[in-house]
Amino acid sequence: MAQDTDIIILDEPTAHLDLHHTIKIFSLLKKLVKETSKTIIISTHEVNLSIKLSDEIVVMTDKKIYSGTTKELINQEIFEKLFPNELVYFNKTLQQFVIN
């Protein structure tokens, strides 16, 4: 960020942070995009936060790569393909994964 580039790529920027600080980082990145028009690409396992705060998401499964807005991916039922349903499932109403 100090180099002031148009595109910022971050790999797991919230790894090992507690929930409070993870949300602060995601919110800061969202604010940075809005205020500076930068493109920020992050890889993360924070799926629920990504669904809530990303403008566009790329979802990778063992078989295929999907991309689009949260709404588009929900309508295509992409999130339902991510995890085994016996552990967690995607709740369309809440727009997040919940424990079974």
N, C-alpha and C. Protein backbone atom coordinates (compact mmCIF):
# COMPACT_ATOMS: atom_id res chain seq x y z
N MET A 1 0.81 -1.19 0.00
CA MET A 1 0.00 0.00 0.00
C MET A 1 0.86 1.26 0.00
N ALA A 2 2.04 1.16 0.58
CA ALA A 2 2.92 2.33 0.65
C ALA A 2 3.40 2.76 -0.72
N GLN A 3 3.42 1.83 -1.68
CA GLN A 3 3.90 2.17 -3.02
C GLN A 3 2.83 2.85 -3.86
N ASP A 4 1.59 2.91 -3.38
CA ASP A 4 0.49 3.60 -4.05
C ASP A 4 0.26 3.08 -5.47
N THR A 5 0.17 1.76 -5.62
CA THR A 5 -0.10 1.15 -6.92
C THR A 5 -1.60 1.11 -7.18
N ASP A 6 -1.98 0.97 -8.44
CA ASP A 6 -3.40 0.90 -8.80
C ASP A 6 -4.03 -0.43 -8.39
N ILE A 7 -3.21 -1.48 -8.36
CA ILE A 7 -3.69 -2.82 -8.00
C ILE A 7 -2.89 -3.31 -6.80
N ILE A 8 -3.61 -3.84 -5.81
CA ILE A 8 -2.99 -4.40 -4.62
C ILE A 8 -3.41 -5.87 -4.55
N ILE A 9 -2.44 -6.77 -4.40
CA ILE A 9 -2.73 -8.19 -4.28
C ILE A 9 -2.28 -8.65 -2.89
N LEU A 10 -3.22 -9.25 -2.14
CA LEU A 10 -2.94 -9.69 -0.78
C LEU A 10 -3.27 -11.17 -0.63
N ASP A 11 -2.36 -11.90 -0.03
CA ASP A 11 -2.57 -13.33 0.20
C ASP A 11 -2.88 -13.54 1.68
N GLU A 12 -4.09 -13.95 1.98
CA GLU A 12 -4.54 -14.21 3.35
C GLU A 12 -4.16 -13.07 4.30
N PRO A 13 -4.61 -11.85 4.03
CA PRO A 13 -4.19 -10.71 4.87
C PRO A 13 -4.72 -10.77 6.29
N THR A 14 -5.68 -11.63 6.57
CA THR A 14 -6.25 -11.70 7.91
C THR A 14 -5.92 -13.02 8.62
N ALA A 15 -4.99 -13.77 8.07
CA ALA A 15 -4.61 -15.04 8.71
C ALA A 15 -4.13 -14.78 10.13
N HIS A 16 -4.60 -15.59 11.04
CA HIS A 16 -4.21 -15.56 12.45
C HIS A 16 -4.74 -14.34 13.22
N LEU A 17 -5.66 -13.60 12.65
CA LEU A 17 -6.27 -12.48 13.37
C LEU A 17 -7.59 -12.92 13.99
N ASP A 18 -7.97 -12.28 15.08
CA ASP A 18 -9.28 -12.58 15.67
C ASP A 18 -10.37 -11.94 14.80
N LEU A 19 -11.61 -12.30 15.09
CA LEU A 19 -12.73 -11.85 14.26
C LEU A 19 -12.82 -10.33 14.18
N HIS A 20 -12.65 -9.67 15.30
CA HIS A 20 -12.74 -8.21 15.34
C HIS A 20 -11.73 -7.56 14.38
N HIS A 21 -10.50 -7.99 14.44
CA HIS A 21 -9.46 -7.40 13.59
C HIS A 21 -9.61 -7.83 12.14
N THR A 22 -10.09 -9.03 11.92
CA THR A 22 -10.36 -9.49 10.56
C THR A 22 -11.40 -8.60 9.89
N ILE A 23 -12.48 -8.32 10.61
CA ILE A 23 -13.53 -7.44 10.06
C ILE A 23 -12.99 -6.03 9.84
N LYS A 24 -12.14 -5.55 10.74
CA LYS A 24 -11.54 -4.23 10.56
C LYS A 24 -10.70 -4.17 9.28
N ILE A 25 -9.93 -5.22 9.01
CA ILE A 25 -9.09 -5.25 7.80
C ILE A 25 -9.98 -5.28 6.56
N PHE A 26 -10.98 -6.15 6.55
CA PHE A 26 -11.89 -6.22 5.40
C PHE A 26 -12.58 -4.87 5.17
N SER A 27 -13.03 -4.25 6.23
CA SER A 27 -13.71 -2.95 6.11
C SER A 27 -12.75 -1.87 5.61
N LEU A 28 -11.51 -1.90 6.10
CA LEU A 28 -10.51 -0.94 5.63
C LEU A 28 -10.25 -1.12 4.14
N LEU A 29 -10.13 -2.36 3.69
CA LEU A 29 -9.89 -2.62 2.27
C LEU A 29 -11.07 -2.14 1.42
N LYS A 30 -12.29 -2.39 1.89
CA LYS A 30 -13.49 -1.94 1.18
C LYS A 30 -13.51 -0.41 1.08
N LYS A 31 -13.16 0.27 2.18
CA LYS A 31 -13.11 1.74 2.21
C LYS A 31 -12.03 2.26 1.25
N LEU A 32 -10.89 1.59 1.23
CA LEU A 32 -9.80 1.99 0.35
C LEU A 32 -10.21 1.90 -1.12
N VAL A 33 -10.91 0.84 -1.47
CA VAL A 33 -11.40 0.69 -2.85
C VAL A 33 -12.35 1.83 -3.19
N LYS A 34 -13.26 2.12 -2.30
CA LYS A 34 -14.27 3.16 -2.55
C LYS A 34 -13.64 4.55 -2.67
N GLU A 35 -12.70 4.85 -1.81
CA GLU A 35 -12.12 6.19 -1.77
C GLU A 35 -11.02 6.43 -2.79
N THR A 36 -10.36 5.37 -3.25
CA THR A 36 -9.21 5.56 -4.14
C THR A 36 -9.39 4.93 -5.52
N SER A 37 -10.45 4.15 -5.69
CA SER A 37 -10.70 3.43 -6.95
C SER A 37 -9.60 2.41 -7.27
N LYS A 38 -8.87 1.98 -6.24
CA LYS A 38 -7.87 0.94 -6.45
C LYS A 38 -8.57 -0.40 -6.63
N THR A 39 -7.90 -1.31 -7.27
CA THR A 39 -8.35 -2.69 -7.36
C THR A 39 -7.59 -3.48 -6.32
N ILE A 40 -8.32 -4.17 -5.45
CA ILE A 40 -7.69 -5.00 -4.43
C ILE A 40 -8.14 -6.44 -4.64
N ILE A 41 -7.17 -7.30 -4.81
CA ILE A 41 -7.42 -8.74 -5.00
C ILE A 41 -6.87 -9.44 -3.76
N ILE A 42 -7.74 -10.21 -3.09
CA ILE A 42 -7.25 -10.97 -1.94
C ILE A 42 -7.61 -12.44 -2.08
N SER A 43 -6.74 -13.28 -1.56
CA SER A 43 -7.09 -14.69 -1.40
C SER A 43 -7.40 -14.86 0.07
N THR A 44 -8.49 -15.57 0.37
CA THR A 44 -8.89 -15.72 1.75
C THR A 44 -9.76 -16.96 1.94
N HIS A 45 -9.75 -17.47 3.16
CA HIS A 45 -10.68 -18.53 3.53
C HIS A 45 -11.85 -17.96 4.31
N GLU A 46 -11.92 -16.65 4.44
CA GLU A 46 -13.02 -15.98 5.13
C GLU A 46 -14.20 -15.82 4.17
N VAL A 47 -14.85 -16.93 3.89
CA VAL A 47 -15.90 -16.95 2.86
C VAL A 47 -17.07 -16.05 3.22
N ASN A 48 -17.57 -16.14 4.45
CA ASN A 48 -18.73 -15.33 4.83
C ASN A 48 -18.45 -13.84 4.74
N LEU A 49 -17.27 -13.41 5.16
CA LEU A 49 -16.92 -12.00 5.04
C LEU A 49 -16.75 -11.58 3.59
N SER A 50 -16.18 -12.45 2.80
CA SER A 50 -16.04 -12.15 1.37
C SER A 50 -17.40 -11.96 0.71
N ILE A 51 -18.33 -12.82 1.07
CA ILE A 51 -19.68 -12.73 0.50
C ILE A 51 -20.31 -11.39 0.86
N LYS A 52 -20.11 -10.93 2.07
CA LYS A 52 -20.72 -9.68 2.54
C LYS A 52 -20.02 -8.43 2.02
N LEU A 53 -18.70 -8.47 1.85
CA LEU A 53 -17.96 -7.24 1.61
C LEU A 53 -17.30 -7.11 0.23
N SER A 54 -17.30 -8.17 -0.57
CA SER A 54 -16.62 -8.10 -1.87
C SER A 54 -17.54 -7.57 -2.96
N ASP A 55 -16.93 -6.86 -3.89
CA ASP A 55 -17.67 -6.42 -5.08
C ASP A 55 -17.82 -7.56 -6.08
N GLU A 56 -16.78 -8.37 -6.16
CA GLU A 56 -16.79 -9.53 -7.05
C GLU A 56 -15.99 -10.64 -6.38
N ILE A 57 -16.44 -11.88 -6.60
CA ILE A 57 -15.81 -13.03 -5.96
C ILE A 57 -15.42 -14.06 -7.02
N VAL A 58 -14.27 -14.69 -6.81
CA VAL A 58 -13.87 -15.84 -7.62
C VAL A 58 -13.87 -17.04 -6.67
N VAL A 59 -14.66 -18.05 -7.00
CA VAL A 59 -14.79 -19.25 -6.18
C VAL A 59 -14.14 -20.41 -6.93
N MET A 60 -13.24 -21.11 -6.25
CA MET A 60 -12.57 -22.24 -6.88
C MET A 60 -12.98 -23.53 -6.18
N THR A 61 -13.43 -24.49 -6.97
CA THR A 61 -13.72 -25.81 -6.46
C THR A 61 -12.70 -26.77 -7.08
N ASP A 62 -12.82 -28.05 -6.75
CA ASP A 62 -11.90 -29.03 -7.35
C ASP A 62 -12.08 -29.13 -8.86
N LYS A 63 -13.28 -28.80 -9.33
CA LYS A 63 -13.60 -29.04 -10.74
C LYS A 63 -13.73 -27.79 -11.60
N LYS A 64 -13.98 -26.63 -10.98
CA LYS A 64 -14.29 -25.46 -11.80
C LYS A 64 -14.01 -24.16 -11.04
N ILE A 65 -13.87 -23.08 -11.80
CA ILE A 65 -13.70 -21.74 -11.24
C ILE A 65 -14.91 -20.91 -11.66
N TYR A 66 -15.51 -20.23 -10.68
CA TYR A 66 -16.69 -19.39 -10.92
C TYR A 66 -16.35 -17.97 -10.50
N SER A 67 -16.97 -16.98 -11.15
CA SER A 67 -16.78 -15.60 -10.71
C SER A 67 -18.05 -14.80 -10.96
N GLY A 68 -18.19 -13.75 -10.17
CA GLY A 68 -19.34 -12.87 -10.30
C GLY A 68 -19.59 -12.12 -9.01
N THR A 69 -20.67 -11.38 -9.00
CA THR A 69 -21.05 -10.68 -7.77
C THR A 69 -21.65 -11.71 -6.81
N THR A 70 -21.79 -11.32 -5.57
CA THR A 70 -22.41 -12.20 -4.59
C THR A 70 -23.79 -12.63 -5.07
N LYS A 71 -24.58 -11.68 -5.52
CA LYS A 71 -25.94 -11.98 -5.99
C LYS A 71 -25.93 -12.98 -7.15
N GLU A 72 -25.03 -12.77 -8.10
CA GLU A 72 -24.94 -13.69 -9.24
C GLU A 72 -24.57 -15.10 -8.80
N LEU A 73 -23.60 -15.21 -7.91
CA LEU A 73 -23.16 -16.53 -7.45
C LEU A 73 -24.23 -17.22 -6.60
N ILE A 74 -24.98 -16.45 -5.81
CA ILE A 74 -26.09 -17.02 -5.05
C ILE A 74 -27.16 -17.54 -6.00
N ASN A 75 -27.50 -16.74 -7.00
CA ASN A 75 -28.53 -17.15 -7.97
C ASN A 75 -28.11 -18.39 -8.76
N GLN A 76 -26.82 -18.56 -8.99
CA GLN A 76 -26.31 -19.73 -9.71
C GLN A 76 -26.07 -20.92 -8.77
N GLU A 77 -26.34 -20.73 -7.48
CA GLU A 77 -26.16 -21.77 -6.45
C GLU A 77 -24.72 -22.29 -6.39
N ILE A 78 -23.77 -21.39 -6.56
CA ILE A 78 -22.35 -21.75 -6.55
C ILE A 78 -21.88 -22.07 -5.14
N PHE A 79 -22.33 -21.30 -4.15
CA PHE A 79 -21.85 -21.50 -2.78
C PHE A 79 -22.25 -22.86 -2.22
N GLU A 80 -23.35 -23.40 -2.70
CA GLU A 80 -23.79 -24.72 -2.25
C GLU A 80 -22.81 -25.82 -2.64
N LYS A 81 -21.93 -25.54 -3.60
CA LYS A 81 -20.98 -26.54 -4.09
C LYS A 81 -19.66 -26.55 -3.32
N LEU A 82 -19.48 -25.61 -2.41
CA LEU A 82 -18.18 -25.45 -1.77
C LEU A 82 -17.86 -26.48 -0.69
N PHE A 83 -18.82 -26.77 0.18
CA PHE A 83 -18.54 -27.61 1.34
C PHE A 83 -19.53 -28.76 1.42
N PRO A 84 -19.11 -29.86 2.04
CA PRO A 84 -20.06 -30.97 2.27
C PRO A 84 -21.23 -30.50 3.14
N ASN A 85 -22.45 -30.81 2.73
CA ASN A 85 -23.64 -30.32 3.42
C ASN A 85 -23.82 -30.90 4.81
N GLU A 86 -23.16 -32.01 5.13
CA GLU A 86 -23.36 -32.57 6.46
C GLU A 86 -22.69 -31.72 7.54
N LEU A 87 -21.77 -30.85 7.17
CA LEU A 87 -21.08 -30.00 8.14
C LEU A 87 -21.65 -28.58 8.18
N VAL A 88 -21.72 -27.96 7.04
CA VAL A 88 -22.25 -26.60 6.92
C VAL A 88 -23.09 -26.52 5.65
N TYR A 89 -23.97 -25.54 5.62
CA TYR A 89 -24.73 -25.31 4.40
C TYR A 89 -24.85 -23.82 4.17
N PHE A 90 -25.12 -23.44 2.91
CA PHE A 90 -25.27 -22.04 2.57
C PHE A 90 -26.72 -21.63 2.72
N ASN A 91 -26.97 -20.64 3.55
CA ASN A 91 -28.31 -20.11 3.78
C ASN A 91 -28.49 -18.89 2.88
N LYS A 92 -29.34 -19.01 1.87
CA LYS A 92 -29.55 -17.92 0.91
C LYS A 92 -30.16 -16.69 1.57
N THR A 93 -31.04 -16.88 2.53
CA THR A 93 -31.68 -15.75 3.19
C THR A 93 -30.66 -14.93 3.98
N LEU A 94 -29.79 -15.61 4.73
CA LEU A 94 -28.75 -14.93 5.51
C LEU A 94 -27.55 -14.55 4.65
N GLN A 95 -27.44 -15.14 3.48
CA GLN A 95 -26.30 -14.97 2.58
C GLN A 95 -24.99 -15.31 3.29
N GLN A 96 -25.00 -16.48 3.96
CA GLN A 96 -23.79 -16.94 4.62
C GLN A 96 -23.88 -18.44 4.91
N PHE A 97 -22.72 -19.01 5.22
CA PHE A 97 -22.68 -20.41 5.62
C PHE A 97 -23.03 -20.51 7.09
N VAL A 98 -23.79 -21.55 7.44
CA VAL A 98 -24.15 -21.81 8.83
C VAL A 98 -23.86 -23.25 9.15
N ILE A 99 -23.65 -23.53 10.42
CA ILE A 99 -23.36 -24.89 10.87
C ILE A 99 -24.63 -25.69 10.89
N ASN A 100 -24.56 -26.93 10.40
CA ASN A 100 -25.72 -27.84 10.42
C ASN A 100 -26.02 -28.28 11.82
